[in-house]
Amino acid sequence: MRDDSHLPPALRGLRIPAVAAPLFIVSVPDLVIAQCKAGIIGSFPALNAREADGEPPMLEAWLKRITEELDAFNQANPDRPAAPFAVNQIVHRSNARLERDLEICAAWRVPIWITSLGARVEVNEAAHSCGGVALHDIINNTFARKAVDKGADGLIAVSAGAGGHAGPQNPFALVEEIRTWFDGPLLLSGSIATGHALLAAQVAGADLGYIGSPFIATEEANAVQDYKQMIVEAGAEDIVTSSLFTGVSGNYLKPSVSRAGMDPDNLPGADASSMSFGSGGSKPKAWKEIWGAGQGIGAVKAIEPAGRLVDRLAREYDAALAGVLAYAMGRS
């Protein structure tokens, strides 16, 4: 019932209009492959693929496995092929791996590139060199304009309530401002954990929803059992916003902060100068069990396979869409 003909081919024809967000540590090939086979775009941060000194790049091994498994699935299931996948590049000046990782992704012709923490022309050019679509995540209209000016094909509006490095703005306000001048691909991030919320994102003006935190509590996710169970048991009131852990404002699970011996209601701040991706992440080891999550986790009721989660989202989306159409017909 939705028209996605204006989108680049890699973003069309999905089972539901959803992209699984790249989750630090959590997103690994098992999860990405399951997401794509279920019919939504799966993704992972390039920095999640880490190898020991002297070993071949793990990123290349991951891309080989994902590409080959999805190709085999598509050959076996021509009537319901897998969705494409995306790789997230952290474009922060401290990411010493960026240039190498760009070359690897271009060589493997990654179909969708997601960039974060900085918009750079050469990164978008690398995506375009292999036919890829470049999406950049932003937290306000100013950053959105800069990203498009530097060659991004589409935008990911990271609004209040999103997990990880969340923006402060209301999603309706953020999408509305962007849509006054930009008619390209627009994704919305922020507490999208149900099919109803996914449809609401489209009604607000986005093309697709960007879903992260619910996938932490899946069987394929690279997260410890305590983290997954905390997602299941927590709700929006259990989320705290702080810049302490990475230097950029983000949303975290209060119980994980408390277990680390800190008061989640009285956390000091930190500035962006403390952020470093030279070793693959920005959290000091002392904070490795401070767990990120968004405010939509109240909808997560169980640890389950990723495919089953997508099934639930699809049922809810279809039901919500049917309800809206019935209402519209009743008014006509």
Protein backbone atom coordinates (compact mmCIF):
# COMPACT_ATOMS: atom_id res chain seq x y z
CA MET A 1 0.00 0.00 0.00
CA ARG A 2 2.98 2.35 0.31
CA ASP A 3 4.76 3.96 -2.62
CA ASP A 4 8.53 3.62 -2.46
CA SER A 5 9.22 4.25 -6.15
CA HIS A 6 11.08 7.50 -5.40
CA LEU A 7 13.68 5.67 -3.29
CA PRO A 8 16.99 4.24 -4.53
CA PRO A 9 16.60 0.55 -5.54
CA ALA A 10 18.45 -0.66 -2.42
CA LEU A 11 15.73 0.86 -0.21
CA ARG A 12 12.72 -0.41 -2.16
CA GLY A 13 10.60 -3.54 -1.88
CA LEU A 14 11.23 -4.28 1.77
CA ARG A 15 8.81 -6.45 3.71
CA ILE A 16 8.19 -3.49 5.99
CA PRO A 17 9.78 -0.02 5.69
CA ALA A 18 12.50 -0.63 8.26
CA VAL A 19 16.27 -0.53 8.65
CA ALA A 20 17.89 -2.26 11.61
CA ALA A 21 20.29 0.22 13.20
CA PRO A 22 23.98 -0.68 13.54
CA LEU A 23 24.54 -1.45 17.22
CA PHE A 24 27.97 -1.08 18.83
CA ILE A 25 29.33 -4.55 19.74
CA VAL A 26 25.84 -6.07 19.38
CA SER A 27 25.47 -6.18 15.56
CA VAL A 28 27.40 -9.12 14.08
CA PRO A 29 26.95 -11.24 10.93
CA ASP A 30 24.51 -13.68 12.57
CA LEU A 31 22.15 -10.80 13.41
CA VAL A 32 22.58 -8.96 10.10
CA ILE A 33 21.89 -12.09 8.06
CA ALA A 34 18.78 -12.89 10.12
CA GLN A 35 17.47 -9.34 9.68
CA CYS A 36 18.01 -9.38 5.93
CA LYS A 37 16.43 -12.81 5.50
CA ALA A 38 13.41 -11.58 7.46
CA GLY A 39 12.94 -8.78 4.92
CA ILE A 40 14.42 -5.65 6.49
CA ILE A 41 17.79 -4.01 5.95
CA GLY A 42 20.34 -5.31 8.45
CA SER A 43 23.44 -3.36 9.40
CA PHE A 44 26.58 -3.36 11.52
CA PRO A 45 29.32 -0.86 12.44
CA ALA A 46 32.56 -1.55 10.58
CA LEU A 47 34.40 -1.11 13.88
CA ASN A 48 32.59 -4.13 15.33
CA ALA A 49 34.77 -6.33 13.10
CA ARG A 50 38.04 -6.45 15.03
CA GLU A 51 41.07 -8.61 14.42
CA ALA A 52 44.22 -9.15 16.45
CA ASP A 53 47.45 -7.49 15.37
CA GLY A 54 48.90 -9.17 12.31
CA GLU A 55 45.68 -10.94 11.33
CA PRO A 56 43.76 -10.29 8.07
CA PRO A 57 41.00 -7.67 8.33
CA MET A 58 37.97 -9.17 10.06
CA LEU A 59 35.76 -6.71 8.17
CA GLU A 60 36.62 -8.46 4.92
CA ALA A 61 35.72 -11.86 6.40
CA TRP A 62 32.40 -10.51 7.64
CA LEU A 63 31.51 -8.99 4.28
CA LYS A 64 32.41 -12.20 2.49
CA ARG A 65 30.20 -14.28 4.77
CA ILE A 66 27.22 -11.90 4.65
CA THR A 67 27.42 -11.48 0.88
CA GLU A 68 27.73 -15.20 0.17
CA GLU A 69 25.00 -16.29 2.60
CA LEU A 70 22.52 -13.74 1.29
CA ASP A 71 23.35 -14.63 -2.31
CA ALA A 72 22.73 -18.32 -1.55
CA PHE A 73 19.44 -17.46 0.19
CA ASN A 74 18.29 -15.39 -2.79
CA GLN A 75 19.06 -18.20 -5.24
CA ALA A 76 17.05 -20.61 -3.10
CA ASN A 77 14.20 -18.13 -2.55
CA PRO A 78 13.74 -16.09 -5.73
CA ASP A 79 10.16 -15.17 -4.78
CA ARG A 80 11.16 -13.71 -1.40
CA PRO A 81 14.77 -12.53 -1.61
CA ALA A 82 16.62 -11.10 1.35
CA ALA A 83 16.86 -7.38 1.89
CA PRO A 84 20.25 -5.74 1.28
CA PHE A 85 22.61 -4.89 4.13
CA ALA A 86 24.36 -1.75 5.33
CA VAL A 87 27.70 -0.95 6.95
CA ASN A 88 28.13 1.95 9.36
CA GLN A 89 31.30 4.04 9.20
CA ILE A 90 32.27 6.25 12.14
CA VAL A 91 33.67 9.34 10.43
CA HIS A 92 35.26 10.77 13.56
CA ARG A 93 38.85 12.01 13.22
CA SER A 94 40.01 9.47 15.82
CA ASN A 95 38.92 6.47 13.70
CA ALA A 96 42.31 5.35 12.41
CA ARG A 97 40.72 2.52 10.43
CA LEU A 98 38.43 4.65 8.31
CA GLU A 99 40.45 4.79 5.09
CA ARG A 100 41.17 1.05 5.17
CA ASP A 101 37.56 0.18 5.90
CA LEU A 102 36.29 2.41 3.08
CA GLU A 103 38.50 0.55 0.62
CA ILE A 104 37.27 -2.85 1.85
CA CYS A 105 33.61 -1.83 1.66
CA ALA A 106 34.06 -0.44 -1.84
CA ALA A 107 35.79 -3.63 -2.98
CA TRP A 108 32.87 -5.71 -1.67
CA ARG A 109 30.35 -3.31 -3.21
CA VAL A 110 28.44 -2.70 0.02
CA PRO A 111 24.97 -1.57 -1.12
CA ILE A 112 24.15 0.84 1.71
CA TRP A 113 26.61 3.01 3.66
CA ILE A 114 25.62 4.67 6.94
CA THR A 115 27.90 7.44 8.22
CA SER A 116 27.99 8.87 11.74
CA LEU A 117 29.77 11.58 13.73
CA GLY A 118 30.83 13.68 10.78
CA ALA A 119 29.91 14.19 7.12
CA ARG A 120 32.77 13.94 4.63
CA VAL A 121 32.73 14.24 0.85
CA GLU A 122 35.32 11.49 0.31
CA VAL A 123 33.26 8.95 2.27
CA ASN A 124 30.18 9.59 0.15
CA GLU A 125 32.34 9.39 -2.98
CA ALA A 126 33.65 6.01 -1.84
CA ALA A 127 30.06 4.77 -1.46
CA HIS A 128 29.09 6.07 -4.89
CA SER A 129 32.19 4.53 -6.49
CA CYS A 130 30.71 1.06 -6.04
CA GLY A 131 27.08 1.98 -6.61
CA GLY A 132 26.27 2.31 -2.92
CA VAL A 133 23.69 4.56 -1.27
CA ALA A 134 25.07 6.95 1.36
CA LEU A 135 22.88 7.71 4.40
CA HIS A 136 24.06 10.08 7.10
CA ASP A 137 22.64 10.30 10.62
CA ILE A 138 21.91 13.75 12.00
CA ILE A 139 20.29 15.27 15.07
CA ASN A 140 19.14 18.63 13.69
CA ASN A 141 18.28 20.49 10.49
CA THR A 142 21.65 22.28 10.32
CA PHE A 143 23.57 19.00 10.24
CA ALA A 144 21.08 17.64 7.73
CA ARG A 145 21.83 20.43 5.26
CA LYS A 146 25.58 19.94 5.70
CA ALA A 147 25.29 16.21 5.05
CA VAL A 148 23.36 16.69 1.82
CA ASP A 149 25.73 19.46 0.71
CA LYS A 150 28.60 16.98 1.12
CA GLY A 151 26.95 14.34 -1.05
CA ALA A 152 24.79 12.19 1.22
CA ASP A 153 21.91 10.55 -0.67
CA GLY A 154 19.67 10.29 2.34
CA LEU A 155 19.32 11.23 6.00
CA ILE A 156 18.69 9.40 9.25
CA ALA A 157 16.94 11.75 11.67
CA VAL A 158 18.02 10.64 15.15
CA SER A 159 15.44 12.15 17.48
CA ALA A 160 14.75 12.19 21.20
CA GLY A 161 14.29 8.75 22.71
CA ALA A 162 16.67 6.92 20.39
CA GLY A 163 19.24 4.54 21.82
CA GLY A 164 22.93 5.34 21.82
CA HIS A 165 23.89 8.81 20.57
CA ALA A 166 20.41 10.32 20.55
CA GLY A 167 19.39 13.79 19.49
CA PRO A 168 17.33 16.11 21.71
CA GLN A 169 14.59 17.10 19.26
CA ASN A 170 11.03 15.87 18.97
CA PRO A 171 10.69 13.58 15.93
CA PHE A 172 7.74 15.51 14.48
CA ALA A 173 9.63 18.79 14.62
CA LEU A 174 12.82 17.32 13.18
CA VAL A 175 11.14 15.54 10.26
CA GLU A 176 8.95 18.53 9.44
CA GLU A 177 11.91 20.91 9.22
CA ILE A 178 13.86 18.55 6.98
CA ARG A 179 10.92 17.91 4.69
CA THR A 180 10.53 21.63 3.93
CA TRP A 181 13.59 21.40 1.67
CA PHE A 182 14.61 17.74 1.26
CA ASP A 183 12.54 15.18 -0.66
CA GLY A 184 15.12 12.39 -0.72
CA PRO A 185 15.32 9.26 1.43
CA LEU A 186 14.57 10.07 5.07
CA LEU A 187 14.72 7.58 7.94
CA LEU A 188 13.48 8.29 11.45
CA SER A 189 15.11 6.97 14.62
CA GLY A 190 13.71 7.28 18.12
CA SER A 191 11.61 4.77 20.10
CA ILE A 192 10.42 2.85 17.03
CA ALA A 193 9.82 -0.55 18.57
CA THR A 194 6.39 -1.49 17.19
CA GLY A 195 4.73 -1.67 13.80
CA HIS A 196 2.38 1.12 14.90
CA ALA A 197 5.34 3.41 15.55
CA LEU A 198 6.81 2.43 12.19
CA LEU A 199 3.65 3.52 10.38
CA ALA A 200 3.57 6.72 12.46
CA ALA A 201 7.08 7.53 11.24
CA GLN A 202 5.84 7.32 7.65
CA VAL A 203 2.76 9.40 8.37
CA ALA A 204 5.02 12.05 9.91
CA GLY A 205 6.99 12.25 6.66
CA ALA A 206 9.77 9.67 6.91
CA ASP A 207 10.23 6.94 4.31
CA LEU A 208 11.52 4.27 6.68
CA GLY A 209 11.94 3.63 10.37
CA TYR A 210 15.30 2.98 12.00
CA ILE A 211 15.01 0.29 14.68
CA GLY A 212 17.78 -0.50 17.13
CA SER A 213 17.13 -1.38 20.77
CA PRO A 214 14.59 -4.22 20.25
CA PHE A 215 17.25 -6.19 18.36
CA ILE A 216 19.52 -6.22 21.42
CA ALA A 217 17.13 -8.74 22.98
CA THR A 218 17.38 -11.22 20.10
CA GLU A 219 19.08 -14.58 20.08
CA GLU A 220 21.51 -13.59 17.33
CA ALA A 221 22.66 -10.37 19.02
CA ASN A 222 26.19 -10.25 20.42
CA ALA A 223 25.08 -9.12 23.86
CA VAL A 224 25.43 -10.83 27.22
CA GLN A 225 22.32 -12.43 28.66
CA ASP A 226 22.04 -9.84 31.45
CA TYR A 227 21.93 -7.03 28.88
CA LYS A 228 19.20 -8.76 26.89
CA GLN A 229 17.16 -9.47 30.02
CA MET A 230 17.51 -5.88 31.19
CA ILE A 231 16.03 -4.73 27.87
CA VAL A 232 13.06 -7.05 28.41
CA GLU A 233 12.46 -5.92 31.99
CA ALA A 234 13.01 -2.17 31.54
CA GLY A 235 10.84 0.65 30.20
CA ALA A 236 11.15 4.28 29.21
CA GLU A 237 11.56 5.40 32.83
CA ASP A 238 14.68 3.24 33.07
CA ILE A 239 16.57 5.30 30.48
CA VAL A 240 19.02 8.04 31.43
CA THR A 241 20.61 10.56 29.06
CA SER A 242 24.29 11.40 29.63
CA SER A 243 27.43 12.52 27.78
CA LEU A 244 29.72 11.01 30.45
CA PHE A 245 30.40 7.69 28.79
CA THR A 246 31.38 8.75 25.26
CA GLY A 247 31.59 12.54 25.24
CA VAL A 248 28.37 12.77 23.20
CA SER A 249 24.88 12.74 24.66
CA GLY A 250 23.41 9.25 24.62
CA ASN A 251 20.71 7.13 26.24
CA TYR A 252 21.58 4.30 28.63
CA LEU A 253 19.93 1.78 30.92
CA LYS A 254 19.77 3.14 34.47
CA PRO A 255 20.17 -0.30 36.09
CA SER A 256 23.49 -0.81 34.29
CA VAL A 257 24.71 2.57 35.53
CA SER A 258 23.68 1.72 39.10
CA ARG A 259 25.44 -1.66 38.94
CA ALA A 260 28.63 0.17 37.98
CA GLY A 261 28.46 2.07 41.28
CA MET A 262 27.16 5.39 39.95
CA ASP A 263 24.01 7.38 40.62
CA PRO A 264 22.14 7.56 37.29
CA ASP A 265 20.29 10.67 38.45
CA ASN A 266 23.48 12.59 39.25
CA LEU A 267 25.98 11.92 36.47
CA PRO A 268 28.65 14.45 35.53
CA GLY A 269 29.00 15.44 31.89
CA ALA A 270 31.88 15.09 29.44
CA ASP A 271 32.73 16.91 26.23
CA ALA A 272 33.46 15.58 22.76
CA SER A 273 37.23 15.82 23.30
CA SER A 274 37.01 12.63 25.36
CA MET A 275 35.71 10.64 22.39
CA SER A 276 38.14 8.28 20.67
CA PHE A 277 37.60 5.52 18.13
CA GLY A 278 41.25 4.62 17.63
CA SER A 279 40.71 1.16 19.13
CA GLY A 280 37.23 0.62 17.81
CA GLY A 281 35.09 2.29 20.44
CA SER A 282 34.70 5.33 22.64
CA LYS A 283 33.93 3.76 26.02
CA PRO A 284 36.74 3.16 28.52
CA LYS A 285 36.97 -0.45 29.70
CA ALA A 286 35.72 0.63 33.11
CA TRP A 287 32.38 1.46 31.46
CA LYS A 288 32.07 -1.55 29.17
CA GLU A 289 28.96 -2.69 31.05
CA ILE A 290 27.16 0.64 30.75
CA TRP A 291 24.53 -0.47 28.26
CA GLY A 292 22.80 1.72 25.73
CA ALA A 293 19.09 1.55 24.89
CA GLY A 294 16.27 3.77 23.65
CA GLN A 295 12.98 4.70 25.27
CA GLY A 296 10.94 2.27 23.16
CA ILE A 297 12.11 -0.84 25.02
CA GLY A 298 8.84 -1.15 26.93
CA ALA A 299 7.50 -2.92 23.83
CA VAL A 300 10.12 -5.68 24.13
CA LYS A 301 8.61 -8.56 26.09
CA ALA A 302 10.91 -11.50 25.40
CA ILE A 303 14.29 -12.61 24.10
CA GLU A 304 13.52 -14.14 20.71
CA PRO A 305 14.98 -14.78 17.25
CA ALA A 306 15.38 -11.69 15.10
CA GLY A 307 13.08 -13.16 12.46
CA ARG A 308 10.30 -13.53 15.02
CA LEU A 309 10.74 -9.91 16.08
CA VAL A 310 10.38 -8.80 12.44
CA ASP A 311 7.28 -11.01 12.13
CA ARG A 312 5.75 -9.18 15.08
CA LEU A 313 6.62 -5.77 13.63
CA ALA A 314 5.11 -6.77 10.28
CA ARG A 315 1.83 -7.94 11.87
CA GLU A 316 1.54 -4.73 13.85
CA TYR A 317 2.40 -2.58 10.85
CA ASP A 318 -0.19 -4.29 8.65
CA ALA A 319 -2.85 -4.00 11.36
CA ALA A 320 -2.07 -0.32 11.92
CA LEU A 321 -2.18 0.38 8.19
CA ALA A 322 -5.50 -1.44 7.81
CA GLY A 323 -6.93 0.60 10.66
CA VAL A 324 -5.82 3.89 9.12
CA LEU A 325 -7.23 2.93 5.73
CA ALA A 326 -10.54 1.87 7.26
CA TYR A 327 -10.75 5.19 9.10
CA ALA A 328 -9.94 7.12 5.93
CA MET A 329 -12.58 5.23 3.95
CA GLY A 330 -15.13 5.92 6.66
CA ARG A 331 -14.51 9.64 6.33
CA SER A 332 -14.66 9.70 2.54
